[in-house]
Structure formats: structure tokens, C-alpha cells
Amino acid sequence: MNDVSSRLERAKTEAAQLLTAMGAVRRIARRAVRASVVGNPLPPARSELLRLVARRAGIGVAEAAAELRLAPNSVSTMVSQLAEDGLLNRGRVASDGRSVRLTVTEAGAARIEQWHDIRTDLAGRALDRLSPADRQALVAAIPALTRLAEQMEEL
């Protein structure tokens, strides 16, 4: 095996381990939110859509579908469900009566804040139990993880 292919194989092995660890963190955080949310917890895809609309108020359905890498009809169905639950508003664009712009309702914003608080509290308490070296390693990894996400997005 040449140097380039062995380097790529090592990177793939490390990537698998990293994704497994990050997946475990996300699953545990998601379970904590589901266990703590009063009422009906949202499926992950709907909560991701709600968070996207909160970050990008006024986004359209097609743009949201592209961002989430989902079919537009799937996103449209989720928008209808979130609107029915009182978490999203669908506003028509004045210049084009067919275009819809999405915004989060007060109830939707409160739900997102609740999720954030639960996840932040859980992660903060867990970080507090780690050794100083582990905490420092995780904090130092944040910029690299952000760059990794950017590179993955480009690919």
C-alpha cells in the first residue's frame, strides 16, 4: 500500500470513530430532550427544519429542502405539520402569491430555547465531570470540527 492510500485508510478509520462518537453525543442529547419536553416531542427531521427556519427566518420551502438535503415535498409536509402544531408560520410573498416564506412562531421559538437549554445543561454537567485534560481537548477541537463540517459540505 502506498503512502497516499495508507493515509486515506487511516483517515477513514479515524472518521468512522469520530462519527460514532459524535452520533452517540447527538443521540443522548436527543433522548434527553424527548424525555424532558412536555407534550409531543418532534421527530428529528422536523426539529431540524424548525431550527433551520429559526436561523434563517424567511427561508422558502425549496431552499430549506436543499439545505436539509430532503425532497421538497417532504419538507412541505413537515411545514404543514409544524404549522398545524403552531410552531411555524407560512407567509406568502407579496410579489409572487405562490411563494411561501417560513418563520418561527413564539411557541416554536420557545420550543427551540427549551431544547437548547436541556442540551446545554446536560452537556455542561457532563463536561464538568471530565478531567481538565479531556475538557481542554474538546474545547480545542471545536475549530477543527467546524472546519471538518465545512470540508464535508464542500464535498
N, C-alpha and C. Protein backbone atom coordinates (compact mmCIF):
# COMPACT_ATOMS: atom_id res chain seq x y z
N MET A 1 0.85 -1.17 0.00
CA MET A 1 0.00 0.00 0.00
C MET A 1 0.90 1.24 0.00
N ASN A 2 0.61 2.17 -0.90
CA ASN A 2 1.46 3.36 -0.95
C ASN A 2 1.08 4.34 0.16
N ASP A 3 1.90 5.37 0.30
CA ASP A 3 1.74 6.34 1.40
C ASP A 3 0.40 7.07 1.35
N VAL A 4 -0.04 7.46 0.14
CA VAL A 4 -1.29 8.20 -0.01
C VAL A 4 -2.48 7.31 0.37
N SER A 5 -2.49 6.08 -0.12
CA SER A 5 -3.63 5.21 0.17
C SER A 5 -3.65 4.80 1.65
N SER A 6 -2.49 4.61 2.28
CA SER A 6 -2.49 4.27 3.71
C SER A 6 -2.95 5.47 4.54
N ARG A 7 -2.57 6.68 4.10
CA ARG A 7 -3.03 7.89 4.80
C ARG A 7 -4.55 8.02 4.69
N LEU A 8 -5.10 7.74 3.51
CA LEU A 8 -6.55 7.81 3.31
C LEU A 8 -7.27 6.75 4.13
N GLU A 9 -6.73 5.55 4.19
CA GLU A 9 -7.34 4.48 5.00
C GLU A 9 -7.34 4.86 6.48
N ARG A 10 -6.24 5.43 6.97
CA ARG A 10 -6.16 5.88 8.36
C ARG A 10 -7.20 6.98 8.62
N ALA A 11 -7.33 7.90 7.67
CA ALA A 11 -8.32 8.98 7.81
C ALA A 11 -9.73 8.42 7.85
N LYS A 12 -10.01 7.40 7.04
CA LYS A 12 -11.35 6.78 7.03
C LYS A 12 -11.64 6.11 8.38
N THR A 13 -10.64 5.43 8.93
CA THR A 13 -10.81 4.77 10.23
C THR A 13 -11.07 5.81 11.31
N GLU A 14 -10.28 6.88 11.30
CA GLU A 14 -10.47 7.96 12.28
C GLU A 14 -11.84 8.62 12.10
N ALA A 15 -12.25 8.80 10.84
CA ALA A 15 -13.56 9.41 10.57
C ALA A 15 -14.68 8.54 11.13
N ALA A 16 -14.57 7.23 10.95
CA ALA A 16 -15.60 6.32 11.47
C ALA A 16 -15.69 6.43 12.98
N GLN A 17 -14.55 6.49 13.65
CA GLN A 17 -14.55 6.61 15.10
C GLN A 17 -15.13 7.95 15.55
N LEU A 18 -14.76 9.02 14.87
CA LEU A 18 -15.26 10.35 15.18
C LEU A 18 -16.77 10.42 15.00
N LEU A 19 -17.26 9.92 13.86
CA LEU A 19 -18.70 9.96 13.59
C LEU A 19 -19.49 9.12 14.58
N THR A 20 -18.92 8.00 15.00
CA THR A 20 -19.57 7.16 16.01
C THR A 20 -19.70 7.92 17.33
N ALA A 21 -18.61 8.57 17.73
CA ALA A 21 -18.64 9.34 18.99
C ALA A 21 -19.61 10.51 18.90
N MET A 22 -19.56 11.25 17.79
CA MET A 22 -20.47 12.40 17.64
C MET A 22 -21.93 11.93 17.56
N GLY A 23 -22.15 10.81 16.90
CA GLY A 23 -23.51 10.25 16.83
C GLY A 23 -24.04 9.90 18.21
N ALA A 24 -23.18 9.32 19.04
CA ALA A 24 -23.60 8.97 20.40
C ALA A 24 -23.96 10.22 21.19
N VAL A 25 -23.17 11.28 21.08
CA VAL A 25 -23.46 12.53 21.77
C VAL A 25 -24.81 13.08 21.31
N ARG A 26 -25.04 13.09 19.98
CA ARG A 26 -26.31 13.61 19.45
C ARG A 26 -27.50 12.77 19.91
N ARG A 27 -27.37 11.44 19.88
CA ARG A 27 -28.48 10.57 20.30
C ARG A 27 -28.82 10.80 21.76
N ILE A 28 -27.81 10.89 22.61
CA ILE A 28 -28.05 11.08 24.03
C ILE A 28 -28.71 12.44 24.28
N ALA A 29 -28.24 13.47 23.59
CA ALA A 29 -28.86 14.79 23.73
C ALA A 29 -30.31 14.76 23.25
N ARG A 30 -30.56 14.09 22.13
CA ARG A 30 -31.92 13.98 21.59
C ARG A 30 -32.83 13.24 22.57
N ARG A 31 -32.33 12.16 23.15
CA ARG A 31 -33.13 11.42 24.13
C ARG A 31 -33.44 12.28 25.35
N ALA A 32 -32.47 13.07 25.79
CA ALA A 32 -32.70 13.94 26.94
C ALA A 32 -33.79 14.96 26.63
N VAL A 33 -33.77 15.50 25.42
CA VAL A 33 -34.80 16.46 25.02
C VAL A 33 -36.15 15.78 24.98
N ARG A 34 -36.22 14.60 24.35
CA ARG A 34 -37.50 13.89 24.25
C ARG A 34 -38.07 13.57 25.63
N ALA A 35 -37.20 13.18 26.56
CA ALA A 35 -37.66 12.83 27.91
C ALA A 35 -38.13 14.05 28.69
N SER A 36 -37.61 15.23 28.34
CA SER A 36 -37.91 16.44 29.11
C SER A 36 -39.01 17.31 28.51
N VAL A 37 -39.27 17.15 27.23
CA VAL A 37 -40.25 18.02 26.56
C VAL A 37 -41.65 17.63 26.98
N VAL A 38 -42.40 18.64 27.40
CA VAL A 38 -43.80 18.43 27.75
C VAL A 38 -44.60 18.40 26.45
N GLY A 39 -45.50 17.45 26.32
CA GLY A 39 -46.28 17.32 25.09
C GLY A 39 -45.59 16.38 24.13
N ASN A 40 -45.93 16.53 22.87
CA ASN A 40 -45.40 15.62 21.86
C ASN A 40 -44.01 16.05 21.40
N PRO A 41 -43.01 15.17 21.57
CA PRO A 41 -41.69 15.51 21.03
C PRO A 41 -41.73 15.44 19.50
N LEU A 42 -40.93 16.27 18.86
CA LEU A 42 -40.88 16.28 17.40
C LEU A 42 -39.88 15.25 16.89
N PRO A 43 -40.19 14.63 15.75
CA PRO A 43 -39.20 13.77 15.12
C PRO A 43 -37.97 14.61 14.74
N PRO A 44 -36.80 13.98 14.66
CA PRO A 44 -35.57 14.72 14.39
C PRO A 44 -35.62 15.60 13.13
N ALA A 45 -36.20 15.12 12.05
CA ALA A 45 -36.22 15.91 10.81
C ALA A 45 -37.04 17.19 11.00
N ARG A 46 -38.17 17.09 11.71
CA ARG A 46 -38.99 18.29 11.94
C ARG A 46 -38.29 19.27 12.87
N SER A 47 -37.62 18.76 13.89
CA SER A 47 -36.90 19.67 14.80
C SER A 47 -35.74 20.33 14.06
N GLU A 48 -35.10 19.61 13.16
CA GLU A 48 -34.02 20.20 12.37
C GLU A 48 -34.56 21.30 11.46
N LEU A 49 -35.72 21.06 10.84
CA LEU A 49 -36.35 22.08 9.99
C LEU A 49 -36.71 23.31 10.83
N LEU A 50 -37.28 23.09 11.99
CA LEU A 50 -37.66 24.22 12.86
C LEU A 50 -36.43 25.04 13.24
N ARG A 51 -35.34 24.37 13.59
CA ARG A 51 -34.11 25.10 13.94
C ARG A 51 -33.55 25.85 12.74
N LEU A 52 -33.65 25.26 11.54
CA LEU A 52 -33.18 25.93 10.33
C LEU A 52 -33.97 27.21 10.09
N VAL A 53 -35.28 27.14 10.22
CA VAL A 53 -36.12 28.32 10.00
C VAL A 53 -35.82 29.39 11.05
N ALA A 54 -35.52 28.98 12.27
CA ALA A 54 -35.16 29.95 13.30
C ALA A 54 -33.87 30.68 12.94
N ARG A 55 -32.92 29.94 12.37
CA ARG A 55 -31.65 30.56 11.96
C ARG A 55 -31.80 31.42 10.72
N ARG A 56 -32.71 31.02 9.82
CA ARG A 56 -32.85 31.70 8.53
C ARG A 56 -34.31 32.08 8.29
N ALA A 57 -34.81 32.97 9.11
CA ALA A 57 -36.20 33.42 9.00
C ALA A 57 -36.48 33.91 7.59
N GLY A 58 -37.60 33.49 7.03
CA GLY A 58 -37.98 33.89 5.69
C GLY A 58 -37.52 32.92 4.61
N ILE A 59 -36.87 31.84 5.01
CA ILE A 59 -36.43 30.84 4.05
C ILE A 59 -37.65 30.21 3.37
N GLY A 60 -37.50 29.84 2.12
CA GLY A 60 -38.56 29.17 1.39
C GLY A 60 -38.47 27.66 1.55
N VAL A 61 -39.53 26.99 1.15
CA VAL A 61 -39.58 25.53 1.27
C VAL A 61 -38.49 24.88 0.42
N ALA A 62 -38.34 25.33 -0.82
CA ALA A 62 -37.33 24.74 -1.71
C ALA A 62 -35.92 24.96 -1.16
N GLU A 63 -35.66 26.16 -0.62
CA GLU A 63 -34.35 26.45 -0.03
C GLU A 63 -34.10 25.56 1.18
N ALA A 64 -35.13 25.40 2.01
CA ALA A 64 -34.99 24.55 3.20
C ALA A 64 -34.73 23.11 2.79
N ALA A 65 -35.43 22.65 1.77
CA ALA A 65 -35.23 21.28 1.29
C ALA A 65 -33.80 21.08 0.81
N ALA A 66 -33.29 22.05 0.06
CA ALA A 66 -31.91 21.96 -0.43
C ALA A 66 -30.92 21.96 0.73
N GLU A 67 -31.15 22.83 1.70
CA GLU A 67 -30.26 22.94 2.87
C GLU A 67 -30.24 21.65 3.68
N LEU A 68 -31.41 21.03 3.83
CA LEU A 68 -31.53 19.82 4.64
C LEU A 68 -31.29 18.54 3.83
N ARG A 69 -31.11 18.71 2.53
CA ARG A 69 -30.89 17.58 1.62
C ARG A 69 -32.09 16.61 1.66
N LEU A 70 -33.28 17.20 1.60
CA LEU A 70 -34.52 16.43 1.59
C LEU A 70 -35.34 16.81 0.37
N ALA A 71 -36.27 15.96 0.01
CA ALA A 71 -37.16 16.25 -1.11
C ALA A 71 -38.10 17.40 -0.73
N PRO A 72 -38.35 18.32 -1.67
CA PRO A 72 -39.24 19.45 -1.36
C PRO A 72 -40.61 19.02 -0.86
N ASN A 73 -41.16 17.94 -1.41
CA ASN A 73 -42.49 17.51 -0.94
C ASN A 73 -42.43 17.02 0.51
N SER A 74 -41.30 16.43 0.93
CA SER A 74 -41.15 16.01 2.33
C SER A 74 -41.09 17.23 3.24
N VAL A 75 -40.36 18.24 2.83
CA VAL A 75 -40.26 19.46 3.62
C VAL A 75 -41.62 20.16 3.67
N SER A 76 -42.32 20.18 2.55
CA SER A 76 -43.65 20.79 2.52
C SER A 76 -44.59 20.10 3.51
N THR A 77 -44.52 18.79 3.58
CA THR A 77 -45.35 18.04 4.53
C THR A 77 -44.96 18.39 5.97
N MET A 78 -43.65 18.48 6.22
CA MET A 78 -43.20 18.84 7.57
C MET A 78 -43.62 20.26 7.93
N VAL A 79 -43.57 21.17 6.95
CA VAL A 79 -44.01 22.56 7.19
C VAL A 79 -45.47 22.56 7.59
N SER A 80 -46.28 21.80 6.88
CA SER A 80 -47.71 21.73 7.21
C SER A 80 -47.92 21.22 8.64
N GLN A 81 -47.17 20.19 9.01
CA GLN A 81 -47.30 19.62 10.36
C GLN A 81 -46.85 20.62 11.43
N LEU A 82 -45.74 21.30 11.16
CA LEU A 82 -45.24 22.29 12.13
C LEU A 82 -46.17 23.49 12.24
N ALA A 83 -46.76 23.88 11.12
CA ALA A 83 -47.73 24.98 11.14
C ALA A 83 -48.98 24.56 11.91
N GLU A 84 -49.42 23.33 11.69
CA GLU A 84 -50.59 22.80 12.40
C GLU A 84 -50.34 22.74 13.90
N ASP A 85 -49.09 22.46 14.28
CA ASP A 85 -48.72 22.41 15.70
C ASP A 85 -48.49 23.80 16.28
N GLY A 86 -48.59 24.84 15.45
CA GLY A 86 -48.41 26.21 15.92
C GLY A 86 -46.96 26.62 16.12
N LEU A 87 -46.03 25.91 15.46
CA LEU A 87 -44.61 26.20 15.64
C LEU A 87 -44.01 27.00 14.49
N LEU A 88 -44.65 26.97 13.32
CA LEU A 88 -44.18 27.70 12.13
C LEU A 88 -45.30 28.51 11.54
N ASN A 89 -44.93 29.64 10.93
CA ASN A 89 -45.85 30.44 10.12
C ASN A 89 -45.44 30.32 8.66
N ARG A 90 -46.44 30.25 7.80
CA ARG A 90 -46.20 30.29 6.35
C ARG A 90 -46.77 31.59 5.83
N GLY A 91 -45.90 32.45 5.33
CA GLY A 91 -46.35 33.73 4.78
C GLY A 91 -46.15 33.75 3.28
N ARG A 92 -47.10 34.28 2.58
CA ARG A 92 -46.99 34.40 1.12
C ARG A 92 -46.16 35.63 0.77
N VAL A 93 -45.36 35.50 -0.29
CA VAL A 93 -44.57 36.62 -0.79
C VAL A 93 -45.50 37.50 -1.62
N ALA A 94 -45.51 38.80 -1.32
CA ALA A 94 -46.44 39.72 -1.98
C ALA A 94 -46.26 39.74 -3.49
N SER A 95 -45.02 39.71 -3.96
CA SER A 95 -44.76 39.80 -5.40
C SER A 95 -45.09 38.51 -6.14
N ASP A 96 -45.18 37.40 -5.41
CA ASP A 96 -45.46 36.10 -6.03
C ASP A 96 -46.33 35.32 -5.05
N GLY A 97 -47.60 35.34 -5.25
CA GLY A 97 -48.55 34.73 -4.33
C GLY A 97 -48.33 33.24 -4.09
N ARG A 98 -47.53 32.59 -4.93
CA ARG A 98 -47.30 31.15 -4.76
C ARG A 98 -46.15 30.87 -3.81
N SER A 99 -45.19 31.77 -3.72
CA SER A 99 -44.02 31.54 -2.87
C SER A 99 -44.37 31.69 -1.40
N VAL A 100 -43.80 30.81 -0.59
CA VAL A 100 -44.04 30.83 0.84
C VAL A 100 -42.73 31.11 1.56
N ARG A 101 -42.80 31.97 2.54
CA ARG A 101 -41.65 32.26 3.39
C ARG A 101 -41.98 31.79 4.80
N LEU A 102 -41.05 31.11 5.40
CA LEU A 102 -41.29 30.48 6.69
C LEU A 102 -40.68 31.29 7.83
N THR A 103 -41.41 31.37 8.92
CA THR A 103 -40.91 31.99 10.15
C THR A 103 -41.36 31.14 11.33
N VAL A 104 -40.63 31.25 12.41
CA VAL A 104 -40.94 30.51 13.63
C VAL A 104 -41.91 31.33 14.47
N THR A 105 -42.90 30.67 15.02
CA THR A 105 -43.84 31.35 15.92
C THR A 105 -43.19 31.50 17.30
N GLU A 106 -43.87 32.23 18.18
CA GLU A 106 -43.37 32.36 19.56
C GLU A 106 -43.29 30.99 20.22
N ALA A 107 -44.28 30.14 19.97
CA ALA A 107 -44.26 28.79 20.55
C ALA A 107 -43.09 27.98 19.99
N GLY A 108 -42.81 28.15 18.70
CA GLY A 108 -41.67 27.47 18.10
C GLY A 108 -40.35 27.94 18.68
N ALA A 109 -40.23 29.24 18.86
CA ALA A 109 -39.01 29.80 19.45
C ALA A 109 -38.83 29.30 20.88
N ALA A 110 -39.93 29.22 21.62
CA ALA A 110 -39.86 28.73 23.00
C ALA A 110 -39.44 27.26 23.02
N ARG A 111 -39.93 26.48 22.07
CA ARG A 111 -39.56 25.06 21.99
C ARG A 111 -38.07 24.93 21.71
N ILE A 112 -37.57 25.72 20.78
CA ILE A 112 -36.14 25.67 20.43
C ILE A 112 -35.29 26.06 21.64
N GLU A 113 -35.70 27.09 22.34
CA GLU A 113 -34.96 27.54 23.53
C GLU A 113 -34.96 26.44 24.59
N GLN A 114 -36.09 25.76 24.75
CA GLN A 114 -36.17 24.67 25.71
C GLN A 114 -35.19 23.56 25.32
N TRP A 115 -35.16 23.18 24.04
CA TRP A 115 -34.22 22.15 23.58
C TRP A 115 -32.80 22.56 23.86
N HIS A 116 -32.49 23.82 23.53
CA HIS A 116 -31.13 24.33 23.73
C HIS A 116 -30.74 24.25 25.20
N ASP A 117 -31.63 24.69 26.06
CA ASP A 117 -31.35 24.69 27.49
C ASP A 117 -31.11 23.27 28.01
N ILE A 118 -31.93 22.32 27.58
CA ILE A 118 -31.79 20.93 28.04
C ILE A 118 -30.46 20.36 27.57
N ARG A 119 -30.15 20.55 26.30
CA ARG A 119 -28.91 20.01 25.73
C ARG A 119 -27.70 20.68 26.36
N THR A 120 -27.75 22.00 26.52
CA THR A 120 -26.62 22.73 27.10
C THR A 120 -26.41 22.33 28.55
N ASP A 121 -27.48 22.18 29.30
CA ASP A 121 -27.37 21.77 30.70
C ASP A 121 -26.76 20.38 30.79
N LEU A 122 -27.25 19.44 30.00
CA LEU A 122 -26.74 18.07 30.04
C LEU A 122 -25.26 18.03 29.66
N ALA A 123 -24.91 18.68 28.55
CA ALA A 123 -23.52 18.68 28.10
C ALA A 123 -22.62 19.40 29.10
N GLY A 124 -23.11 20.49 29.67
CA GLY A 124 -22.32 21.23 30.65
C GLY A 124 -22.04 20.40 31.90
N ARG A 125 -23.06 19.70 32.37
CA ARG A 125 -22.85 18.85 33.54
C ARG A 125 -21.89 17.70 33.23
N ALA A 126 -22.01 17.14 32.03
CA ALA A 126 -21.11 16.05 31.63
C ALA A 126 -19.67 16.56 31.48
N LEU A 127 -19.52 17.73 30.85
CA LEU A 127 -18.18 18.31 30.70
C LEU A 127 -17.54 18.56 32.07
N ASP A 128 -18.36 19.01 33.01
CA ASP A 128 -17.86 19.30 34.35
C ASP A 128 -17.30 18.06 35.04
N ARG A 129 -17.79 16.88 34.65
CA ARG A 129 -17.34 15.63 35.25
C ARG A 129 -16.07 15.08 34.59
N LEU A 130 -15.69 15.64 33.44
CA LEU A 130 -14.49 15.19 32.74
C LEU A 130 -13.24 15.76 33.38
N SER A 131 -12.14 15.12 33.08
CA SER A 131 -10.85 15.65 33.57
C SER A 131 -10.57 16.96 32.86
N PRO A 132 -9.75 17.82 33.48
CA PRO A 132 -9.38 19.07 32.81
C PRO A 132 -8.74 18.83 31.44
N ALA A 133 -7.95 17.77 31.30
CA ALA A 133 -7.31 17.48 30.02
C ALA A 133 -8.34 17.12 28.95
N ASP A 134 -9.36 16.34 29.31
CA ASP A 134 -10.41 16.00 28.35
C ASP A 134 -11.21 17.23 27.94
N ARG A 135 -11.54 18.05 28.93
CA ARG A 135 -12.28 19.30 28.63
C ARG A 135 -11.47 20.18 27.70
N GLN A 136 -10.20 20.34 27.99
CA GLN A 136 -9.34 21.18 27.16
C GLN A 136 -9.24 20.61 25.74
N ALA A 137 -9.14 19.29 25.62
CA ALA A 137 -9.05 18.66 24.30
C ALA A 137 -10.34 18.90 23.51
N LEU A 138 -11.48 18.80 24.17
CA LEU A 138 -12.75 19.02 23.47
C LEU A 138 -12.91 20.47 23.04
N VAL A 139 -12.58 21.38 23.91
CA VAL A 139 -12.68 22.80 23.56
C VAL A 139 -11.72 23.14 22.43
N ALA A 140 -10.53 22.59 22.49
CA ALA A 140 -9.54 22.85 21.44
C ALA A 140 -9.97 22.26 20.10
N ALA A 141 -10.80 21.22 20.13
CA ALA A 141 -11.24 20.57 18.90
C ALA A 141 -12.37 21.32 18.18
N ILE A 142 -13.01 22.26 18.84
CA ILE A 142 -14.17 22.95 18.25
C ILE A 142 -13.83 23.61 16.91
N PRO A 143 -12.77 24.40 16.80
CA PRO A 143 -12.47 25.00 15.48
C PRO A 143 -12.20 23.94 14.41
N ALA A 144 -11.50 22.87 14.77
CA ALA A 144 -11.21 21.82 13.80
C ALA A 144 -12.50 21.11 13.37
N LEU A 145 -13.41 20.88 14.29
CA LEU A 145 -14.70 20.25 13.94
C LEU A 145 -15.51 21.15 13.01
N THR A 146 -15.46 22.44 13.26
CA THR A 146 -16.15 23.39 12.39
C THR A 146 -15.56 23.34 10.98
N ARG A 147 -14.24 23.31 10.89
CA ARG A 147 -13.59 23.21 9.57
C ARG A 147 -13.90 21.86 8.91
N LEU A 148 -13.98 20.80 9.68
CA LEU A 148 -14.34 19.49 9.14
C LEU A 148 -15.74 19.55 8.52
N ALA A 149 -16.68 20.16 9.21
CA ALA A 149 -18.05 20.29 8.69
C ALA A 149 -18.04 21.08 7.39
N GLU A 150 -17.26 22.14 7.34
CA GLU A 150 -17.17 22.95 6.11
C GLU A 150 -16.61 22.13 4.96
N GLN A 151 -15.57 21.33 5.23
CA GLN A 151 -14.99 20.49 4.18
C GLN A 151 -15.96 19.42 3.72
N MET A 152 -16.69 18.83 4.65
CA MET A 152 -17.70 17.82 4.29
C MET A 152 -18.78 18.44 3.42
N GLU A 153 -19.18 19.66 3.77
CA GLU A 153 -20.21 20.36 2.99
C GLU A 153 -19.73 20.59 1.56
N GLU A 154 -18.48 20.96 1.41
CA GLU A 154 -17.93 21.20 0.07
C GLU A 154 -17.90 19.93 -0.78
N LEU A 155 -17.62 18.80 -0.12
CA LEU A 155 -17.55 17.51 -0.84
C LEU A 155 -18.92 17.01 -1.18
